[in-house]
């Protein structure tokens, strides 16, 4: 886990999780997103909020094959 500055307040506290990504298999977001929502009132896309509500605020178990597809296809990472 990495620590780094708040990109909206570089003089503020260091944040943890800046290099971490989260996913529910459909959406991908940074591990520090909750900080930006609560501290800076960053608005989330309506489609994302609807998706979370429709999932009853419970993240699904994402199969490893989907995680690999996200990493390689969506994010362009090499897992070699």
PDB file of N, CA and C in Angstrom:
ATOM      1  N   UNK A   1       0.846  -1.161   0.000  1.00  0.00           N
ATOM      2  CA  UNK A   1       0.000   0.000   0.000  1.00  0.00           C
ATOM      3  C   UNK A   1       0.897   1.232   0.000  1.00  0.00           C
ATOM      4  N   UNK A   2       0.544   2.207  -0.806  1.00  0.00           N
ATOM      5  CA  UNK A   2       1.330   3.424  -0.927  1.00  0.00           C
ATOM      6  C   UNK A   2       0.703   4.568  -0.151  1.00  0.00           C
ATOM      7  N   UNK A   3       1.528   5.523   0.209  1.00  0.00           N
ATOM      8  CA  UNK A   3       1.046   6.757   0.826  1.00  0.00           C
ATOM      9  C   UNK A   3       1.494   7.915  -0.048  1.00  0.00           C
ATOM     10  N   UNK A   4       0.665   8.935  -0.106  1.00  0.00           N
ATOM     11  CA  UNK A   4       1.005  10.096  -0.914  1.00  0.00           C
ATOM     12  C   UNK A   4       0.087  11.252  -0.601  1.00  0.00           C
ATOM     13  N   UNK A   5       0.345  12.393  -1.255  1.00  0.00           N
ATOM     14  CA  UNK A   5      -0.435  13.588  -0.955  1.00  0.00           C
ATOM     15  C   UNK A   5      -1.853  13.521  -1.514  1.00  0.00           C
ATOM     16  N   UNK A   6      -2.714  14.264  -0.891  1.00  0.00           N
ATOM     17  CA  UNK A   6      -4.071  14.499  -1.376  1.00  0.00           C
ATOM     18  C   UNK A   6      -3.925  15.360  -2.626  1.00  0.00           C
ATOM     19  N   UNK A   7      -4.360  14.890  -3.786  1.00  0.00           N
ATOM     20  CA  UNK A   7      -4.161  15.642  -5.028  1.00  0.00           C
ATOM     21  C   UNK A   7      -4.965  16.938  -5.064  1.00  0.00           C
ATOM     22  N   UNK A   8      -5.989  17.053  -4.242  1.00  0.00           N
ATOM     23  CA  UNK A   8      -6.775  18.287  -4.181  1.00  0.00           C
ATOM     24  C   UNK A   8      -6.316  19.211  -3.059  1.00  0.00           C
ATOM     25  N   UNK A   9      -5.451  18.725  -2.187  1.00  0.00           N
ATOM     26  CA  UNK A   9      -4.907  19.505  -1.075  1.00  0.00           C
ATOM     27  C   UNK A   9      -3.498  18.998  -0.778  1.00  0.00           C
ATOM     28  N   UNK A  10      -2.528  19.319  -1.669  1.00  0.00           N
ATOM     29  CA  UNK A  10      -1.173  18.781  -1.525  1.00  0.00           C
ATOM     30  C   UNK A  10      -0.493  19.107  -0.199  1.00  0.00           C
ATOM     31  N   UNK A  11      -0.924  20.155   0.473  1.00  0.00           N
ATOM     32  CA  UNK A  11      -0.343  20.523   1.765  1.00  0.00           C
ATOM     33  C   UNK A  11      -1.017  19.783   2.921  1.00  0.00           C
ATOM     34  N   UNK A  12      -2.080  19.054   2.624  1.00  0.00           N
ATOM     35  CA  UNK A  12      -2.830  18.345   3.657  1.00  0.00           C
ATOM     36  C   UNK A  12      -2.177  17.039   4.053  1.00  0.00           C
ATOM     37  N   UNK A  13      -2.952  16.213   4.700  1.00  0.00           N
ATOM     38  CA  UNK A  13      -2.462  14.932   5.211  1.00  0.00           C
ATOM     39  C   UNK A  13      -2.043  13.993   4.094  1.00  0.00           C
ATOM     40  N   UNK A  14      -1.126  13.090   4.417  1.00  0.00           N
ATOM     41  CA  UNK A  14      -0.784  12.021   3.486  1.00  0.00           C
ATOM     42  C   UNK A  14      -1.900  10.991   3.522  1.00  0.00           C
ATOM     43  N   UNK A  15      -2.196  10.440   2.376  1.00  0.00           N
ATOM     44  CA  UNK A  15      -3.252   9.429   2.264  1.00  0.00           C
ATOM     45  C   UNK A  15      -2.636   8.062   2.033  1.00  0.00           C
ATOM     46  N   UNK A  16      -3.257   7.043   2.572  1.00  0.00           N
ATOM     47  CA  UNK A  16      -2.846   5.676   2.276  1.00  0.00           C
ATOM     48  C   UNK A  16      -3.772   5.121   1.206  1.00  0.00           C
ATOM     49  N   UNK A  17      -3.316   4.116   0.508  1.00  0.00           N
ATOM     50  CA  UNK A  17      -4.149   3.465  -0.495  1.00  0.00           C
ATOM     51  C   UNK A  17      -4.160   4.150  -1.840  1.00  0.00           C
ATOM     52  N   UNK A  18      -3.235   5.111  -2.065  1.00  0.00           N
ATOM     53  CA  UNK A  18      -3.288   5.848  -3.323  1.00  0.00           C
ATOM     54  C   UNK A  18      -2.936   4.973  -4.524  1.00  0.00           C
ATOM     55  N   UNK A  19      -2.197   3.912  -4.299  1.00  0.00           N
ATOM     56  CA  UNK A  19      -1.852   3.017  -5.392  1.00  0.00           C
ATOM     57  C   UNK A  19      -2.772   1.813  -5.490  1.00  0.00           C
ATOM     58  N   UNK A  20      -3.778   1.760  -4.627  1.00  0.00           N
ATOM     59  CA  UNK A  20      -4.683   0.606  -4.583  1.00  0.00           C
ATOM     60  C   UNK A  20      -5.911   0.851  -5.443  1.00  0.00           C
ATOM     61  N   UNK A  21      -6.332  -0.192  -6.115  1.00  0.00           N
ATOM     62  CA  UNK A  21      -7.560  -0.130  -6.903  1.00  0.00           C
ATOM     63  C   UNK A  21      -8.576  -1.087  -6.310  1.00  0.00           C
ATOM     64  N   UNK A  22      -9.829  -0.728  -6.413  1.00  0.00           N
ATOM     65  CA  UNK A  22     -10.941  -1.567  -5.960  1.00  0.00           C
ATOM     66  C   UNK A  22     -11.823  -1.843  -7.171  1.00  0.00           C
ATOM     67  N   UNK A  23     -12.517  -2.958  -7.137  1.00  0.00           N
ATOM     68  CA  UNK A  23     -13.460  -3.269  -8.204  1.00  0.00           C
ATOM     69  C   UNK A  23     -14.556  -4.181  -7.690  1.00  0.00           C
ATOM     70  N   UNK A  24     -15.691  -4.074  -8.332  1.00  0.00           N
ATOM     71  CA  UNK A  24     -16.780  -5.010  -8.069  1.00  0.00           C
ATOM     72  C   UNK A  24     -17.004  -5.880  -9.302  1.00  0.00           C
ATOM     73  N   UNK A  25     -16.055  -5.832 -10.236  1.00  0.00           N
ATOM     74  CA  UNK A  25     -16.144  -6.589 -11.472  1.00  0.00           C
ATOM     75  C   UNK A  25     -16.688  -5.781 -12.627  1.00  0.00           C
ATOM     76  N   UNK A  26     -17.338  -4.662 -12.326  1.00  0.00           N
ATOM     77  CA  UNK A  26     -17.859  -3.780 -13.370  1.00  0.00           C
ATOM     78  C   UNK A  26     -17.205  -2.410 -13.320  1.00  0.00           C
ATOM     79  N   UNK A  27     -17.091  -1.863 -12.135  1.00  0.00           N
ATOM     80  CA  UNK A  27     -16.497  -0.546 -11.931  1.00  0.00           C
ATOM     81  C   UNK A  27     -15.142  -0.708 -11.259  1.00  0.00           C
ATOM     82  N   UNK A  28     -14.237   0.236 -11.538  1.00  0.00           N
ATOM     83  CA  UNK A  28     -12.919   0.279 -10.914  1.00  0.00           C
ATOM     84  C   UNK A  28     -12.766   1.667 -10.298  1.00  0.00           C
ATOM     85  N   UNK A  29     -12.267   1.707  -9.043  1.00  0.00           N
ATOM     86  CA  UNK A  29     -12.044   2.997  -8.401  1.00  0.00           C
ATOM     87  C   UNK A  29     -10.818   2.913  -7.509  1.00  0.00           C
ATOM     88  N   UNK A  30     -10.277   4.071  -7.175  1.00  0.00           N
ATOM     89  CA  UNK A  30      -9.093   4.139  -6.325  1.00  0.00           C
ATOM     90  C   UNK A  30      -9.452   3.834  -4.884  1.00  0.00           C
ATOM     91  N   UNK A  31      -8.487   3.298  -4.158  1.00  0.00           N
ATOM     92  CA  UNK A  31      -8.694   2.968  -2.753  1.00  0.00           C
ATOM     93  C   UNK A  31      -8.944   4.171  -1.868  1.00  0.00           C
ATOM     94  N   UNK A  32      -8.524   5.345  -2.314  1.00  0.00           N
ATOM     95  CA  UNK A  32      -8.719   6.555  -1.515  1.00  0.00           C
ATOM     96  C   UNK A  32      -9.944   7.369  -1.947  1.00  0.00           C
ATOM     97  N   UNK A  33     -10.798   6.793  -2.771  1.00  0.00           N
ATOM     98  CA  UNK A  33     -11.977   7.524  -3.255  1.00  0.00           C
ATOM     99  C   UNK A  33     -12.848   8.034  -2.119  1.00  0.00           C
ATOM    100  N   UNK A  34     -13.039   7.246  -1.087  1.00  0.00           N
ATOM    101  CA  UNK A  34     -13.912   7.673   0.014  1.00  0.00           C
ATOM    102  C   UNK A  34     -13.398   8.956   0.668  1.00  0.00           C
ATOM    103  N   UNK A  35     -12.085   9.130   0.711  1.00  0.00           N
ATOM    104  CA  UNK A  35     -11.520  10.376   1.257  1.00  0.00           C
ATOM    105  C   UNK A  35     -11.983  11.573   0.427  1.00  0.00           C
ATOM    106  N   UNK A  36     -11.892  11.464  -0.892  1.00  0.00           N
ATOM    107  CA  UNK A  36     -12.246  12.587  -1.762  1.00  0.00           C
ATOM    108  C   UNK A  36     -13.747  12.883  -1.722  1.00  0.00           C
ATOM    109  N   UNK A  37     -14.541  11.846  -1.564  1.00  0.00           N
ATOM    110  CA  UNK A  37     -15.992  12.048  -1.451  1.00  0.00           C
ATOM    111  C   UNK A  37     -16.326  12.743  -0.136  1.00  0.00           C
ATOM    112  N   UNK A  38     -15.755  12.268   0.965  1.00  0.00           N
ATOM    113  CA  UNK A  38     -16.105  12.840   2.272  1.00  0.00           C
ATOM    114  C   UNK A  38     -15.418  14.181   2.534  1.00  0.00           C
ATOM    115  N   UNK A  39     -14.170  14.322   2.145  1.00  0.00           N
ATOM    116  CA  UNK A  39     -13.420  15.550   2.454  1.00  0.00           C
ATOM    117  C   UNK A  39     -13.674  16.673   1.449  1.00  0.00           C
ATOM    118  N   UNK A  40     -13.724  16.324   0.169  1.00  0.00           N
ATOM    119  CA  UNK A  40     -13.814  17.338  -0.886  1.00  0.00           C
ATOM    120  C   UNK A  40     -15.162  17.331  -1.610  1.00  0.00           C
ATOM    121  N   UNK A  41     -16.044  16.453  -1.172  1.00  0.00           N
ATOM    122  CA  UNK A  41     -17.390  16.371  -1.752  1.00  0.00           C
ATOM    123  C   UNK A  41     -17.358  16.088  -3.262  1.00  0.00           C
ATOM    124  N   UNK A  42     -16.400  15.267  -3.670  1.00  0.00           N
ATOM    125  CA  UNK A  42     -16.312  14.857  -5.071  1.00  0.00           C
ATOM    126  C   UNK A  42     -17.571  14.068  -5.410  1.00  0.00           C
ATOM    127  N   UNK A  43     -18.211  14.436  -6.497  1.00  0.00           N
ATOM    128  CA  UNK A  43     -19.450  13.770  -6.914  1.00  0.00           C
ATOM    129  C   UNK A  43     -19.123  12.468  -7.645  1.00  0.00           C
ATOM    130  N   UNK A  44     -19.883  11.451  -7.346  1.00  0.00           N
ATOM    131  CA  UNK A  44     -19.745  10.168  -8.033  1.00  0.00           C
ATOM    132  C   UNK A  44     -20.691  10.143  -9.225  1.00  0.00           C
ATOM    133  N   UNK A  45     -20.325   9.438 -10.301  1.00  0.00           N
ATOM    134  CA  UNK A  45     -21.227   9.330 -11.447  1.00  0.00           C
ATOM    135  C   UNK A  45     -22.561   8.701 -11.027  1.00  0.00           C
ATOM    136  N   UNK A  46     -23.647   9.228 -11.554  1.00  0.00           N
ATOM    137  CA  UNK A  46     -24.977   8.705 -11.225  1.00  0.00           C
ATOM    138  C   UNK A  46     -25.081   7.210 -11.498  1.00  0.00           C
ATOM    139  N   UNK A  47     -24.471   6.752 -12.598  1.00  0.00           N
ATOM    140  CA  UNK A  47     -24.535   5.329 -12.949  1.00  0.00           C
ATOM    141  C   UNK A  47     -23.845   4.475 -11.888  1.00  0.00           C
ATOM    142  N   UNK A  48     -22.758   4.987 -11.331  1.00  0.00           N
ATOM    143  CA  UNK A  48     -22.032   4.266 -10.282  1.00  0.00           C
ATOM    144  C   UNK A  48     -22.879   4.177  -9.019  1.00  0.00           C
ATOM    145  N   UNK A  49     -23.473   5.287  -8.618  1.00  0.00           N
ATOM    146  CA  UNK A  49     -24.316   5.313  -7.419  1.00  0.00           C
ATOM    147  C   UNK A  49     -25.504   4.367  -7.591  1.00  0.00           C
ATOM    148  N   UNK A  50     -26.136   4.402  -8.752  1.00  0.00           N
ATOM    149  CA  UNK A  50     -27.265   3.500  -9.022  1.00  0.00           C
ATOM    150  C   UNK A  50     -26.815   2.047  -8.956  1.00  0.00           C
ATOM    151  N   UNK A  51     -25.659   1.754  -9.532  1.00  0.00           N
ATOM    152  CA  UNK A  51     -25.118   0.390  -9.518  1.00  0.00           C
ATOM    153  C   UNK A  51     -24.894  -0.092  -8.084  1.00  0.00           C
ATOM    154  N   UNK A  52     -24.320   0.764  -7.246  1.00  0.00           N
ATOM    155  CA  UNK A  52     -24.068   0.407  -5.842  1.00  0.00           C
ATOM    156  C   UNK A  52     -25.388   0.162  -5.112  1.00  0.00           C
ATOM    157  N   UNK A  53     -26.344   1.041  -5.329  1.00  0.00           N
ATOM    158  CA  UNK A  53     -27.650   0.877  -4.673  1.00  0.00           C
ATOM    159  C   UNK A  53     -28.337  -0.405  -5.133  1.00  0.00           C
ATOM    160  N   UNK A  54     -28.288  -0.661  -6.440  1.00  0.00           N
ATOM    161  CA  UNK A  54     -28.914  -1.873  -6.978  1.00  0.00           C
ATOM    162  C   UNK A  54     -28.254  -3.139  -6.440  1.00  0.00           C
ATOM    163  N   UNK A  55     -27.000  -3.028  -6.033  1.00  0.00           N
ATOM    164  CA  UNK A  55     -26.271  -4.163  -5.443  1.00  0.00           C
ATOM    165  C   UNK A  55     -26.482  -4.241  -3.937  1.00  0.00           C
ATOM    166  N   UNK A  56     -27.365  -3.409  -3.415  1.00  0.00           N
ATOM    167  CA  UNK A  56     -27.677  -3.361  -1.978  1.00  0.00           C
ATOM    168  C   UNK A  56     -26.428  -3.094  -1.138  1.00  0.00           C
ATOM    169  N   UNK A  57     -25.512  -2.279  -1.700  1.00  0.00           N
ATOM    170  CA  UNK A  57     -24.303  -1.844  -0.992  1.00  0.00           C
ATOM    171  C   UNK A  57     -23.417  -3.016  -0.570  1.00  0.00           C
ATOM    172  N   UNK A  58     -23.551  -4.136  -1.243  1.00  0.00           N
ATOM    173  CA  UNK A  58     -22.779  -5.328  -0.909  1.00  0.00           C
ATOM    174  C   UNK A  58     -21.928  -5.734  -2.120  1.00  0.00           C
ATOM    175  N   UNK A  59     -20.610  -5.597  -2.035  1.00  0.00           N
ATOM    176  CA  UNK A  59     -19.780  -5.946  -3.183  1.00  0.00           C
ATOM    177  C   UNK A  59     -19.774  -7.452  -3.431  1.00  0.00           C
ATOM    178  N   UNK A  60     -19.863  -7.843  -4.686  1.00  0.00           N
ATOM    179  CA  UNK A  60     -19.846  -9.274  -4.994  1.00  0.00           C
ATOM    180  C   UNK A  60     -18.423  -9.828  -4.925  1.00  0.00           C
ATOM    181  N   UNK A  61     -18.328 -11.134  -4.844  1.00  0.00           N
ATOM    182  CA  UNK A  61     -17.028 -11.799  -4.953  1.00  0.00           C
ATOM    183  C   UNK A  61     -16.681 -11.810  -6.442  1.00  0.00           C
ATOM    184  N   UNK A  62     -15.540 -11.248  -6.773  1.00  0.00           N
ATOM    185  CA  UNK A  62     -15.127 -11.145  -8.174  1.00  0.00           C
ATOM    186  C   UNK A  62     -14.209 -12.324  -8.491  1.00  0.00           C
ATOM    187  N   UNK A  63     -14.570 -13.123  -9.497  1.00  0.00           N
ATOM    188  CA  UNK A  63     -13.732 -14.275  -9.851  1.00  0.00           C
ATOM    189  C   UNK A  63     -12.336 -13.832 -10.301  1.00  0.00           C
ATOM    190  N   UNK A  64     -11.355 -14.654 -10.017  1.00  0.00           N
ATOM    191  CA  UNK A  64      -9.980 -14.333 -10.397  1.00  0.00           C
ATOM    192  C   UNK A  64      -9.860 -14.080 -11.894  1.00  0.00           C
ATOM    193  N   UNK A  65     -10.595 -14.838 -12.710  1.00  0.00           N
ATOM    194  CA  UNK A  65     -10.526 -14.649 -14.158  1.00  0.00           C
ATOM    195  C   UNK A  65     -10.968 -13.242 -14.554  1.00  0.00           C
ATOM    196  N   UNK A  66     -11.961 -12.697 -13.858  1.00  0.00           N
ATOM    197  CA  UNK A  66     -12.414 -11.329 -14.148  1.00  0.00           C
ATOM    198  C   UNK A  66     -11.373 -10.315 -13.691  1.00  0.00           C
ATOM    199  N   UNK A  67     -10.738 -10.562 -12.549  1.00  0.00           N
ATOM    200  CA  UNK A  67      -9.683  -9.667 -12.073  1.00  0.00           C
ATOM    201  C   UNK A  67      -8.515  -9.625 -13.059  1.00  0.00           C
ATOM    202  N   UNK A  68      -8.156 -10.777 -13.605  1.00  0.00           N
ATOM    203  CA  UNK A  68      -7.087 -10.840 -14.600  1.00  0.00           C
ATOM    204  C   UNK A  68      -7.502 -10.076 -15.853  1.00  0.00           C
ATOM    205  N   UNK A  69      -8.749 -10.246 -16.292  1.00  0.00           N
ATOM    206  CA  UNK A  69      -9.238  -9.531 -17.475  1.00  0.00           C
ATOM    207  C   UNK A  69      -9.221  -8.019 -17.249  1.00  0.00           C
ATOM    208  N   UNK A  70      -9.623  -7.584 -16.085  1.00  0.00           N
ATOM    209  CA  UNK A  70      -9.600  -6.150 -15.774  1.00  0.00           C
ATOM    210  C   UNK A  70      -8.164  -5.630 -15.833  1.00  0.00           C
ATOM    211  N   UNK A  71      -7.255  -6.353 -15.202  1.00  0.00           N
ATOM    212  CA  UNK A  71      -5.855  -5.915 -15.163  1.00  0.00           C
ATOM    213  C   UNK A  71      -5.241  -5.861 -16.558  1.00  0.00           C
ATOM    214  N   UNK A  72      -5.460  -6.887 -17.350  1.00  0.00           N
ATOM    215  CA  UNK A  72      -4.795  -6.966 -18.650  1.00  0.00           C
ATOM    216  C   UNK A  72      -5.535  -6.207 -19.747  1.00  0.00           C
ATOM    217  N   UNK A  73      -6.850  -6.339 -19.805  1.00  0.00           N
ATOM    218  CA  UNK A  73      -7.615  -5.723 -20.890  1.00  0.00           C
ATOM    219  C   UNK A  73      -7.999  -4.274 -20.589  1.00  0.00           C
ATOM    220  N   UNK A  74      -8.535  -4.034 -19.415  1.00  0.00           N
ATOM    221  CA  UNK A  74      -9.018  -2.693 -19.088  1.00  0.00           C
ATOM    222  C   UNK A  74      -7.888  -1.750 -18.680  1.00  0.00           C
ATOM    223  N   UNK A  75      -6.909  -2.263 -17.946  1.00  0.00           N
ATOM    224  CA  UNK A  75      -5.830  -1.416 -17.437  1.00  0.00           C
ATOM    225  C   UNK A  75      -4.529  -1.564 -18.220  1.00  0.00           C
ATOM    226  N   UNK A  76      -4.474  -2.528 -19.135  1.00  0.00           N
ATOM    227  CA  UNK A  76      -3.290  -2.704 -19.973  1.00  0.00           C
ATOM    228  C   UNK A  76      -2.053  -3.188 -19.238  1.00  0.00           C
ATOM    229  N   UNK A  77      -2.259  -3.872 -18.126  1.00  0.00           N
ATOM    230  CA  UNK A  77      -1.130  -4.370 -17.337  1.00  0.00           C
ATOM    231  C   UNK A  77      -0.628  -5.692 -17.910  1.00  0.00           C
ATOM    232  N   UNK A  78       0.654  -5.924 -17.743  1.00  0.00           N
ATOM    233  CA  UNK A  78       1.239  -7.208 -18.105  1.00  0.00           C
ATOM    234  C   UNK A  78       1.411  -8.016 -16.829  1.00  0.00           C
ATOM    235  N   UNK A  79       0.923  -9.230 -16.829  1.00  0.00           N
ATOM    236  CA  UNK A  79       1.023 -10.076 -15.642  1.00  0.00           C
ATOM    237  C   UNK A  79       2.079 -11.162 -15.799  1.00  0.00           C
ATOM    238  N   UNK A  80       2.974 -10.970 -16.735  1.00  0.00           N
ATOM    239  CA  UNK A  80       4.042 -11.959 -16.965  1.00  0.00           C
ATOM    240  C   UNK A  80       5.055 -11.940 -15.869  1.00  0.00           C
TER     241      UNK A  80
END
